[in-house]
């Protein structure tokens, strides 16, 4: 009897100890979850790196974006693998190239496939998607989503909140910021968060808000060095493209209206005429402009509205950063600012993107994580938009699935430089014929060289970025570069095989 009591008493003690250990383990697990970093991913649309003062802009200032750069790391060579809105967004979500995730142009994203949002949500993150989605299908993997339908409008836009559509009065940039702040304030306090805050701005048609409507009125914005590029050494693709400042900006882009009462034939004649000749108001005086003066005037109209839209985005970033600080979230929140691709700001006489040239290919990428990423640093090693997803997963302490084609760059953020880090990147563009008539092409970029193949017209371009950073001189046929061409072609084929690109979807996307 005594032994039985002693045994029972011992069992109770062991049982109590086991329960205590279990509770401690649960608390430890909860604390471990709580200690995982929040991730605030802010992405603008068509924001070129060379329109940010932290990247050396000569045409505008972005003080709040500079705050992220000054308190974190600025990447000098972040590139899109397909420089167009919808494919870039799919690449960011999946960590896969267009020919694998199925989004090559403006086609429907298959939301049933794995995404970084789904993986973080499953691991206990509170996930949100607010703003421009532009993937046709509804968002999946998000606890809360509130998106613009399609491109959305700048003023008094409609939003689709968890499947229900409603109009919201105000300016899109402010509304997206307000909704993002509400998500942060209303989030579950016991979970880390992952928020994708996607601004519409500064996408075409570049409509500024009232606050910034007259910014730059008395300023002449400097023209880019390549403003009068004649495409003399390029393939036939460059002159074919219809995104020129002098020829392809619309009346809507330029914010001008035809005279009232025109009949259809007269309106057509007026539209045709204003491409070549236009009466404009310059400081209260009416002047008729043609040729180069008209091109210069169009550039000023375009670039000022573009920069005004960026000013509102910069203000919104400041509001988000201020909230994180006020709410005590700054120290444990990774903040990223990027754009879905680059953009031509009159470079080569172009607006828009699509080409593999530097202004279009390069994405801004700023990241801040106090205590983890050294403040005020820059990184020149090459990262791609397919690398974002695996980086987020590593920060969250999650395994990176083998099917993800990108690579986490947490090591770079820690100041390390793996010997096997990529020295070349692969690019492919599919959308032809289509908006702006940019020929299909693919290519390889290394630290010094860029080789581009326009396969439908069987024409090649090669640029020595060290000698020709503005890509004005195509040296593909130059005998001095013969060995370089052969090396780059071999690297291009190597990347195509490694990434499993065998020209799938070259004649059209899987989900039109």
Protein backbone atom coordinates (compact mmCIF):
# COMPACT_ATOMS: atom_id res chain seq x y z
CA UNK A 1 0.00 0.00 0.00
CA UNK A 2 2.78 2.38 0.93
CA UNK A 3 4.71 1.57 -2.25
CA UNK A 4 1.57 2.13 -4.28
CA UNK A 5 1.07 5.57 -2.68
CA UNK A 6 4.71 6.45 -3.25
CA UNK A 7 4.42 5.35 -6.87
CA UNK A 8 1.23 7.33 -7.34
CA UNK A 9 2.79 10.39 -5.74
CA UNK A 10 5.85 10.09 -7.96
CA UNK A 11 3.66 9.76 -11.02
CA UNK A 12 1.74 12.88 -10.06
CA UNK A 13 4.98 14.82 -9.70
CA UNK A 14 6.23 13.54 -13.07
CA UNK A 15 2.89 14.32 -14.68
CA UNK A 16 2.89 17.82 -13.23
CA UNK A 17 6.45 18.35 -14.46
CA UNK A 18 5.51 17.10 -17.92
CA UNK A 19 2.57 19.51 -18.03
CA UNK A 20 4.84 22.36 -16.93
CA UNK A 21 7.37 21.50 -19.65
CA UNK A 22 4.56 21.37 -22.19
CA UNK A 23 3.33 24.80 -21.11
CA UNK A 24 6.85 26.22 -21.22
CA UNK A 25 7.33 24.74 -24.66
CA UNK A 26 4.05 26.31 -25.82
CA UNK A 27 5.09 29.67 -24.38
CA UNK A 28 8.51 29.35 -25.99
CA UNK A 29 6.88 28.48 -29.31
CA UNK A 30 4.53 31.45 -29.00
CA UNK A 31 7.43 33.76 -28.16
CA UNK A 32 9.39 32.34 -31.09
CA UNK A 33 6.43 33.08 -33.36
CA UNK A 34 6.07 36.56 -31.92
CA UNK A 35 9.74 37.27 -32.50
CA UNK A 36 9.53 36.53 -36.21
CA UNK A 37 9.78 39.76 -38.17
CA UNK A 38 6.81 41.55 -39.66
CA UNK A 39 7.16 42.25 -43.38
CA UNK A 40 5.80 45.44 -44.97
CA UNK A 41 6.22 45.20 -48.74
CA UNK A 42 5.49 48.51 -50.49
CA UNK A 43 5.46 48.44 -54.28
CA UNK A 44 4.78 51.30 -56.67
CA UNK A 45 3.86 50.84 -60.33
CA UNK A 46 6.35 52.01 -62.98
CA UNK A 47 8.57 53.92 -60.54
CA UNK A 48 11.99 54.15 -62.18
CA UNK A 49 15.02 54.05 -59.89
CA UNK A 50 16.40 57.18 -61.57
CA UNK A 51 13.38 59.10 -60.24
CA UNK A 52 14.48 58.61 -56.62
CA UNK A 53 16.94 60.94 -54.93
CA UNK A 54 18.60 58.07 -53.06
CA UNK A 55 19.49 56.66 -56.50
CA UNK A 56 20.95 59.98 -57.63
CA UNK A 57 17.91 61.45 -59.39
CA UNK A 58 18.59 64.74 -61.15
CA UNK A 59 14.90 65.56 -61.49
CA UNK A 60 13.17 65.04 -58.11
CA UNK A 61 13.52 64.48 -54.37
CA UNK A 62 12.05 61.56 -52.42
CA UNK A 63 12.82 62.26 -48.74
CA UNK A 64 10.76 59.43 -47.25
CA UNK A 65 12.16 56.81 -49.60
CA UNK A 66 15.58 58.17 -48.68
CA UNK A 67 14.73 57.39 -45.04
CA UNK A 68 14.53 53.68 -45.89
CA UNK A 69 17.80 53.86 -47.84
CA UNK A 70 19.57 55.76 -45.07
CA UNK A 71 18.37 53.33 -42.40
CA UNK A 72 18.86 50.18 -44.46
CA UNK A 73 20.31 48.85 -47.71
CA UNK A 74 19.96 50.09 -51.29
CA UNK A 75 20.44 47.57 -54.09
CA UNK A 76 22.15 48.91 -57.19
CA UNK A 77 21.38 45.98 -59.48
CA UNK A 78 17.87 44.67 -58.89
CA UNK A 79 16.26 43.49 -62.12
CA UNK A 80 12.89 42.28 -63.43
CA UNK A 81 12.87 39.02 -65.38
CA UNK A 82 9.99 40.28 -67.57
CA UNK A 83 9.53 44.06 -67.47
CA UNK A 84 5.77 44.44 -67.50
CA UNK A 85 3.23 44.80 -64.66
CA UNK A 86 1.31 41.52 -64.48
CA UNK A 87 4.22 39.11 -65.13
CA UNK A 88 6.40 40.91 -62.58
CA UNK A 89 3.71 40.62 -59.91
CA UNK A 90 3.34 36.90 -60.61
CA UNK A 91 7.11 36.43 -60.40
CA UNK A 92 7.23 38.23 -57.05
CA UNK A 93 4.42 36.10 -55.59
CA UNK A 94 5.72 32.74 -56.81
CA UNK A 95 9.49 33.10 -57.04
CA UNK A 96 9.23 31.63 -60.54
CA UNK A 97 9.82 32.93 -64.06
CA UNK A 98 6.95 33.72 -66.42
CA UNK A 99 7.24 30.50 -68.42
CA UNK A 100 6.81 28.48 -65.19
CA UNK A 101 4.16 30.49 -63.30
CA UNK A 102 2.13 30.86 -66.51
CA UNK A 103 1.87 34.68 -66.56
CA UNK A 104 3.74 35.91 -69.62
CA UNK A 105 1.61 38.93 -70.58
CA UNK A 106 -1.68 40.36 -69.21
CA UNK A 107 -3.20 36.94 -68.69
CA UNK A 108 -4.97 35.36 -65.72
CA UNK A 109 -2.88 34.27 -62.76
CA UNK A 110 -3.68 30.75 -61.54
CA UNK A 111 -4.29 31.46 -57.87
CA UNK A 112 -4.28 27.76 -56.95
CA UNK A 113 -0.50 27.55 -57.28
CA UNK A 114 1.81 28.04 -54.27
CA UNK A 115 2.69 31.64 -53.39
CA UNK A 116 4.74 33.31 -50.70
CA UNK A 117 1.53 34.71 -49.17
CA UNK A 118 0.05 31.21 -48.79
CA UNK A 119 3.22 29.86 -47.19
CA UNK A 120 3.46 32.73 -44.71
CA UNK A 121 -0.26 32.49 -43.91
CA UNK A 122 0.03 28.75 -43.24
CA UNK A 123 2.98 29.44 -40.93
CA UNK A 124 0.91 31.81 -38.80
CA UNK A 125 1.43 35.19 -40.44
CA UNK A 126 -1.53 37.58 -40.74
CA UNK A 127 -1.47 38.38 -44.46
CA UNK A 128 -2.90 41.32 -46.38
CA UNK A 129 -3.00 42.60 -49.96
CA UNK A 130 -4.12 46.21 -50.56
CA UNK A 131 -4.04 48.27 -53.75
CA UNK A 132 -3.17 47.32 -57.30
CA UNK A 133 -3.37 43.56 -57.86
CA UNK A 134 -3.71 43.38 -61.66
CA UNK A 135 -3.65 39.58 -61.94
CA UNK A 136 -7.30 39.06 -63.10
CA UNK A 137 -8.04 36.25 -60.62
CA UNK A 138 -8.94 37.03 -56.99
CA UNK A 139 -6.09 37.12 -54.46
CA UNK A 140 -5.47 33.88 -52.55
CA UNK A 141 -3.39 33.34 -49.43
CA UNK A 142 -4.49 36.59 -47.80
CA UNK A 143 -6.53 36.98 -44.61
CA UNK A 144 -7.64 40.37 -45.92
CA UNK A 145 -7.57 41.85 -49.39
CA UNK A 146 -8.91 45.06 -50.89
CA UNK A 147 -7.86 45.69 -54.46
CA UNK A 148 -8.37 48.00 -57.42
CA UNK A 149 -10.23 46.37 -60.32
CA UNK A 150 -7.78 46.16 -63.22
CA UNK A 151 -5.62 49.26 -63.42
CA UNK A 152 -8.00 51.21 -61.23
CA UNK A 153 -8.62 54.96 -61.27
CA UNK A 154 -6.68 57.74 -59.58
CA UNK A 155 -9.71 59.73 -58.43
CA UNK A 156 -12.73 58.27 -56.58
CA UNK A 157 -11.76 54.71 -57.52
CA UNK A 158 -13.70 51.49 -57.08
CA UNK A 159 -12.20 48.84 -54.78
CA UNK A 160 -13.02 45.16 -54.42
CA UNK A 161 -12.93 44.22 -50.74
CA UNK A 162 -12.99 40.47 -50.17
CA UNK A 163 -15.13 40.04 -53.29
CA UNK A 164 -17.46 43.03 -52.80
CA UNK A 165 -17.08 46.07 -55.03
CA UNK A 166 -17.63 49.62 -53.83
CA UNK A 167 -16.54 53.15 -54.70
CA UNK A 168 -14.37 55.15 -52.31
CA UNK A 169 -14.05 58.91 -52.59
CA UNK A 170 -10.58 60.38 -52.64
CA UNK A 171 -7.21 59.90 -54.30
CA UNK A 172 -6.01 56.33 -54.92
CA UNK A 173 -2.60 56.77 -53.27
CA UNK A 174 -4.13 58.20 -50.09
CA UNK A 175 -6.87 55.56 -49.99
CA UNK A 176 -4.43 52.66 -50.37
CA UNK A 177 -2.33 54.15 -47.57
CA UNK A 178 -5.38 54.63 -45.33
CA UNK A 179 -6.48 51.03 -45.90
CA UNK A 180 -2.95 49.78 -45.19
CA UNK A 181 -2.80 51.71 -41.93
CA UNK A 182 -6.19 50.29 -40.93
CA UNK A 183 -4.90 46.77 -41.62
CA UNK A 184 -1.89 47.41 -39.38
CA UNK A 185 -3.99 48.87 -36.57
CA UNK A 186 -6.64 46.12 -36.66
CA UNK A 187 -4.25 43.17 -37.04
CA UNK A 188 -4.17 40.32 -34.46
CA UNK A 189 -1.61 41.35 -31.86
CA UNK A 190 -0.32 37.79 -31.34
CA UNK A 191 0.75 37.22 -34.95
CA UNK A 192 3.45 38.69 -37.19
CA UNK A 193 2.09 40.35 -40.32
CA UNK A 194 2.88 40.27 -44.02
CA UNK A 195 1.33 43.22 -45.87
CA UNK A 196 1.63 43.89 -49.59
CA UNK A 197 0.82 47.58 -50.07
CA UNK A 198 0.65 48.12 -53.84
CA UNK A 199 0.27 51.67 -55.11
CA UNK A 200 -1.27 52.43 -58.50
CA UNK A 201 0.98 55.48 -58.95
CA UNK A 202 2.89 56.53 -60.92
CA UNK A 203 1.25 54.46 -63.68
CA UNK A 204 -0.11 56.15 -66.80
CA UNK A 205 -2.12 58.44 -67.22
CA UNK A 206 -0.19 60.17 -64.41
CA UNK A 207 -2.97 62.10 -62.68
CA UNK A 208 -1.64 63.99 -59.62
CA UNK A 209 -3.62 64.87 -56.51
CA UNK A 210 -4.63 68.41 -55.58
CA UNK A 211 -1.75 68.78 -53.12
CA UNK A 212 0.89 68.26 -55.81
CA UNK A 213 -1.00 69.50 -58.88
CA UNK A 214 1.18 72.61 -59.31
CA UNK A 215 4.47 71.14 -58.14
CA UNK A 216 7.19 71.99 -60.71
CA UNK A 217 5.04 74.66 -62.40
CA UNK A 218 7.95 77.09 -62.44
CA UNK A 219 10.67 74.49 -62.99
CA UNK A 220 12.09 73.07 -66.23
CA UNK A 221 12.92 69.41 -65.73
CA UNK A 222 16.28 68.43 -67.31
CA UNK A 223 16.00 66.14 -70.33
CA UNK A 224 17.85 62.80 -70.24
CA UNK A 225 21.13 62.44 -72.11
CA UNK A 226 19.59 59.99 -74.57
CA UNK A 227 16.50 62.13 -75.27
CA UNK A 228 17.33 62.36 -78.99
CA UNK A 229 18.49 58.79 -79.56
CA UNK A 230 18.23 57.99 -83.29
CA UNK A 231 18.41 54.16 -82.82
CA UNK A 232 21.09 54.15 -85.54
CA UNK A 233 22.96 51.01 -84.43
CA UNK A 234 20.02 49.05 -83.04
CA UNK A 235 17.85 46.31 -84.46
CA UNK A 236 14.53 47.07 -86.14
CA UNK A 237 12.75 46.65 -82.79
CA UNK A 238 13.60 50.10 -81.40
CA UNK A 239 12.16 52.27 -84.21
CA UNK A 240 9.09 50.03 -84.41
CA UNK A 241 8.13 50.59 -80.76
CA UNK A 242 5.21 53.01 -80.29
CA UNK A 243 6.02 54.68 -76.99
CA UNK A 244 7.84 57.77 -78.15
CA UNK A 245 7.57 61.14 -76.45
CA UNK A 246 7.33 62.99 -79.77
CA UNK A 247 4.77 60.70 -81.43
CA UNK A 248 2.82 58.49 -79.07
CA UNK A 249 1.70 60.49 -76.04
CA UNK A 250 -2.09 60.82 -76.23
CA UNK A 251 -4.33 63.81 -75.62
CA UNK A 252 -5.21 62.23 -72.27
CA UNK A 253 -1.53 61.91 -71.36
CA UNK A 254 -0.95 65.58 -72.21
CA UNK A 255 -4.14 66.75 -70.45
CA UNK A 256 -5.48 68.63 -73.47
CA UNK A 257 -8.97 68.56 -74.96
CA UNK A 258 -10.08 69.11 -78.56
CA UNK A 259 -12.13 72.19 -79.45
CA UNK A 260 -15.84 71.64 -78.72
CA UNK A 261 -18.28 70.69 -81.47
CA UNK A 262 -15.91 68.89 -83.84
CA UNK A 263 -17.47 66.32 -86.15
CA UNK A 264 -15.81 62.86 -86.33
CA UNK A 265 -13.78 63.70 -89.44
CA UNK A 266 -12.69 67.03 -87.97
CA UNK A 267 -11.74 65.36 -84.69
CA UNK A 268 -9.62 62.80 -86.57
CA UNK A 269 -7.89 65.60 -88.47
CA UNK A 270 -7.31 67.52 -85.22
CA UNK A 271 -5.83 64.44 -83.53
CA UNK A 272 -3.51 63.85 -86.46
CA UNK A 273 -2.44 67.48 -86.58
CA UNK A 274 -1.57 67.86 -82.89
CA UNK A 275 1.05 65.14 -83.21
CA UNK A 276 2.91 67.48 -85.54
CA UNK A 277 1.75 70.93 -84.52
CA UNK A 278 0.10 72.26 -81.40
CA UNK A 279 -0.96 75.62 -80.00
CA UNK A 280 0.05 75.71 -76.35
CA UNK A 281 -0.04 78.17 -73.49
CA UNK A 282 3.45 79.12 -72.28
CA UNK A 283 3.34 81.50 -69.32
CA UNK A 284 0.07 83.02 -70.51
CA UNK A 285 1.16 83.39 -74.13
CA UNK A 286 -0.25 81.25 -76.95
CA UNK A 287 2.44 79.69 -79.13
CA UNK A 288 2.31 77.22 -82.00
CA UNK A 289 4.97 74.53 -81.61
CA UNK A 290 6.32 71.99 -84.09
CA UNK A 291 9.33 69.68 -84.28
CA UNK A 292 11.84 69.69 -81.43
CA UNK A 293 10.17 72.51 -79.43
CA UNK A 294 6.91 70.52 -79.43
CA UNK A 295 8.74 67.36 -78.33
CA UNK A 296 10.34 69.29 -75.47
CA UNK A 297 6.96 70.68 -74.40
CA UNK A 298 5.40 67.19 -74.42
CA UNK A 299 8.25 65.88 -72.29
CA UNK A 300 7.70 68.59 -69.68
CA UNK A 301 3.96 67.80 -69.54
CA UNK A 302 4.63 64.09 -69.15
CA UNK A 303 7.50 64.15 -66.68
CA UNK A 304 6.00 66.75 -64.35
CA UNK A 305 2.77 64.78 -63.90
CA UNK A 306 4.78 61.58 -63.43
CA UNK A 307 6.90 63.20 -60.71
CA UNK A 308 3.84 64.74 -59.03
CA UNK A 309 2.38 61.25 -58.68
CA UNK A 310 5.66 60.04 -57.16
CA UNK A 311 5.58 62.90 -54.64
CA UNK A 312 2.25 61.57 -53.32
CA UNK A 313 3.69 58.05 -53.07
CA UNK A 314 6.66 59.40 -51.13
CA UNK A 315 4.29 61.16 -48.70
CA UNK A 316 2.38 57.90 -48.21
CA UNK A 317 5.57 56.00 -47.42
CA UNK A 318 6.33 58.63 -44.79
CA UNK A 319 2.92 58.03 -43.17
CA UNK A 320 3.56 54.28 -42.99
CA UNK A 321 7.05 54.72 -41.54
CA UNK A 322 5.75 57.17 -38.95
CA UNK A 323 3.03 54.74 -37.86
CA UNK A 324 5.50 51.87 -37.40
CA UNK A 325 7.59 54.09 -35.16
CA UNK A 326 4.64 55.40 -33.15
CA UNK A 327 3.20 51.90 -32.67
CA UNK A 328 6.52 50.45 -31.49
CA UNK A 329 6.75 48.23 -34.58
CA UNK A 330 9.83 49.71 -36.19
CA UNK A 331 12.43 47.41 -34.63
CA UNK A 332 10.77 44.16 -35.66
CA UNK A 333 9.40 45.13 -39.07
CA UNK A 334 11.24 44.63 -42.34
CA UNK A 335 10.25 47.44 -44.72
CA UNK A 336 10.77 47.06 -48.46
CA UNK A 337 10.17 49.63 -51.18
CA UNK A 338 10.32 48.64 -54.82
CA UNK A 339 8.52 48.96 -58.16
CA UNK A 340 7.17 46.23 -60.42
CA UNK A 341 9.81 47.17 -63.01
CA UNK A 342 11.70 50.19 -64.30
CA UNK A 343 10.45 52.88 -66.66
CA UNK A 344 11.72 55.15 -69.44
CA UNK A 345 11.62 58.81 -68.41
CA UNK A 346 12.21 60.24 -71.86
CA UNK A 347 15.33 58.07 -72.15
CA UNK A 348 15.77 57.11 -75.81
CA UNK A 349 12.68 59.29 -76.53
CA UNK A 350 10.49 56.73 -74.73
CA UNK A 351 7.96 56.37 -71.95
CA UNK A 352 6.77 52.94 -70.69
CA UNK A 353 9.06 49.87 -70.20
CA UNK A 354 9.18 46.32 -71.77
CA UNK A 355 12.63 46.47 -73.39
CA UNK A 356 15.65 44.84 -71.76
CA UNK A 357 17.47 48.18 -71.74
CA UNK A 358 18.69 49.41 -68.36
CA UNK A 359 16.05 52.02 -67.53
CA UNK A 360 13.28 49.44 -68.01
CA UNK A 361 15.11 46.40 -66.63
CA UNK A 362 16.32 47.94 -63.36
CA UNK A 363 14.01 48.01 -60.33
CA UNK A 364 14.59 50.17 -57.26
CA UNK A 365 14.95 48.05 -54.15
CA UNK A 366 15.29 49.50 -50.65
CA UNK A 367 15.09 47.41 -47.48
CA UNK A 368 15.28 48.32 -43.80
CA UNK A 369 15.48 46.07 -40.74
CA UNK A 370 16.93 47.88 -37.70
CA UNK A 371 19.63 45.89 -35.95
CA UNK A 372 19.74 43.27 -38.71
CA UNK A 373 20.64 45.24 -41.85
CA UNK A 374 23.46 47.76 -41.54
CA UNK A 375 22.17 51.29 -42.06
CA UNK A 376 23.24 53.35 -45.08
CA UNK A 377 24.71 50.45 -47.04
CA UNK A 378 24.59 49.61 -50.74
CA UNK A 379 24.86 46.26 -52.51
CA UNK A 380 25.98 45.78 -56.11
CA UNK A 381 25.47 42.02 -56.42
CA UNK A 382 22.62 41.12 -58.75
CA UNK A 383 19.17 40.28 -57.37
CA UNK A 384 15.95 39.57 -59.29
CA UNK A 385 12.25 39.90 -58.55
CA UNK A 386 12.00 36.07 -58.37
CA UNK A 387 14.34 36.32 -55.35
CA UNK A 388 11.87 38.26 -53.20
CA UNK A 389 9.68 35.27 -52.19
CA UNK A 390 12.52 33.01 -50.98
CA UNK A 391 14.04 35.93 -49.08
CA UNK A 392 10.77 36.52 -47.20
CA UNK A 393 10.52 32.80 -46.44
CA UNK A 394 14.03 32.66 -45.00
CA UNK A 395 13.35 35.71 -42.82
CA UNK A 396 10.24 33.93 -41.51
CA UNK A 397 12.30 30.83 -40.70
CA UNK A 398 10.53 28.71 -43.33
CA UNK A 399 12.00 26.19 -45.77
CA UNK A 400 12.27 27.29 -49.38
CA UNK A 401 10.50 24.85 -51.74
CA UNK A 402 12.75 23.31 -54.38
CA UNK A 403 10.44 24.43 -57.20
CA UNK A 404 11.11 28.12 -56.44
CA UNK A 405 13.58 29.38 -59.05
CA UNK A 406 14.73 32.50 -57.22
CA UNK A 407 17.30 32.53 -54.43
CA UNK A 408 17.14 34.14 -51.00
CA UNK A 409 19.52 37.07 -50.64
CA UNK A 410 19.47 37.21 -46.83
CA UNK A 411 23.21 36.50 -46.97
CA UNK A 412 23.76 39.72 -48.94
CA UNK A 413 21.67 41.62 -46.41
CA UNK A 414 23.93 40.23 -43.70
CA UNK A 415 26.99 41.59 -45.48
CA UNK A 416 28.10 38.20 -46.80
CA UNK A 417 28.96 37.45 -50.44
CA UNK A 418 28.59 33.77 -51.37
CA UNK A 419 31.16 32.66 -53.94
CA UNK A 420 28.46 30.99 -56.01
CA UNK A 421 26.22 34.07 -56.26
CA UNK A 422 24.86 34.68 -59.77
CA UNK A 423 27.04 36.51 -62.28
CA UNK A 424 24.41 36.60 -65.03
CA UNK A 425 20.63 36.98 -65.29
CA UNK A 426 18.05 35.82 -67.83
CA UNK A 427 15.30 38.03 -69.23
CA UNK A 428 12.35 37.33 -71.52
CA UNK A 429 9.58 39.56 -72.90
CA UNK A 430 6.52 38.11 -74.71
CA UNK A 431 3.92 40.81 -75.39
CA UNK A 432 3.93 41.25 -79.19
CA UNK A 433 1.93 42.25 -81.07
CA UNK A 434 0.38 44.38 -78.37
CA UNK A 435 0.58 47.67 -76.54
CA UNK A 436 3.52 49.75 -77.75
CA UNK A 437 4.61 47.14 -80.32
CA UNK A 438 7.79 46.04 -78.57
CA UNK A 439 9.17 42.96 -80.29
CA UNK A 440 9.47 39.73 -78.33
CA UNK A 441 13.01 39.18 -77.09
CA UNK A 442 15.15 37.38 -74.56
CA UNK A 443 18.69 37.88 -73.39
CA UNK A 444 21.42 37.68 -70.80
CA UNK A 445 22.98 40.42 -68.70
CA UNK A 446 26.30 40.11 -66.89
CA UNK A 447 28.15 42.72 -64.86
CA UNK A 448 29.66 44.19 -68.04
CA UNK A 449 27.70 42.95 -71.04
CA UNK A 450 24.16 42.59 -72.29
CA UNK A 451 23.17 40.34 -75.20
CA UNK A 452 19.60 40.62 -76.56
CA UNK A 453 17.97 38.41 -79.18
CA UNK A 454 14.83 39.60 -81.01
CA UNK A 455 13.92 36.13 -82.20
CA UNK A 456 10.92 36.90 -84.41
CA UNK A 457 13.03 39.17 -86.60
CA UNK A 458 16.26 37.21 -85.98
CA UNK A 459 18.30 40.23 -84.93
CA UNK A 460 20.86 40.55 -82.11
CA UNK A 461 22.13 43.44 -80.00
CA UNK A 462 25.21 43.53 -77.76
CA UNK A 463 26.13 46.35 -75.38
CA UNK A 464 29.34 46.88 -73.46
CA UNK A 465 27.89 48.49 -70.35
CA UNK A 466 31.31 49.53 -69.09
CA UNK A 467 32.15 51.50 -72.23
CA UNK A 468 28.58 52.40 -73.17
CA UNK A 469 26.36 52.66 -70.06
CA UNK A 470 23.54 54.38 -72.02
CA UNK A 471 23.40 51.51 -74.55
CA UNK A 472 23.71 53.65 -77.64
CA UNK A 473 26.23 51.54 -79.57
CA UNK A 474 25.24 48.01 -80.58
CA UNK A 475 28.58 46.18 -81.01
CA UNK A 476 27.18 42.76 -81.96
CA UNK A 477 28.80 42.90 -85.43
CA UNK A 478 32.09 44.34 -84.14
CA UNK A 479 34.81 41.72 -84.68
CA UNK A 480 36.57 42.79 -81.47
CA UNK A 481 33.61 41.36 -79.51
CA UNK A 482 33.45 38.03 -81.37
CA UNK A 483 34.70 35.95 -78.43
CA UNK A 484 32.39 37.82 -76.04
CA UNK A 485 29.38 37.07 -78.27
CA UNK A 486 30.19 33.36 -78.25
CA UNK A 487 30.62 33.30 -74.46
CA UNK A 488 27.34 35.16 -73.90
CA UNK A 489 25.42 32.92 -76.30
CA UNK A 490 26.71 29.88 -74.41
CA UNK A 491 25.67 31.46 -71.09
CA UNK A 492 22.25 32.32 -72.54
CA UNK A 493 21.64 28.72 -73.58
CA UNK A 494 22.90 27.50 -70.22
CA UNK A 495 20.40 29.73 -68.38
CA UNK A 496 17.55 28.70 -70.67
CA UNK A 497 18.18 25.02 -69.92
CA UNK A 498 18.72 25.61 -66.22
CA UNK A 499 15.44 27.52 -65.96
CA UNK A 500 13.55 25.06 -68.17
CA UNK A 501 12.63 27.62 -70.82
CA UNK A 502 11.96 25.75 -74.06
CA UNK A 503 9.83 28.47 -75.68
CA UNK A 504 6.58 27.46 -74.03
CA UNK A 505 3.88 30.16 -74.44
CA UNK A 506 5.87 31.93 -77.14
CA UNK A 507 2.70 31.97 -79.25
CA UNK A 508 0.35 32.92 -76.42
CA UNK A 509 -0.32 32.57 -72.70
CA UNK A 510 -2.07 29.59 -71.05
CA UNK A 511 -4.93 31.63 -69.53
CA UNK A 512 -5.81 34.45 -71.95
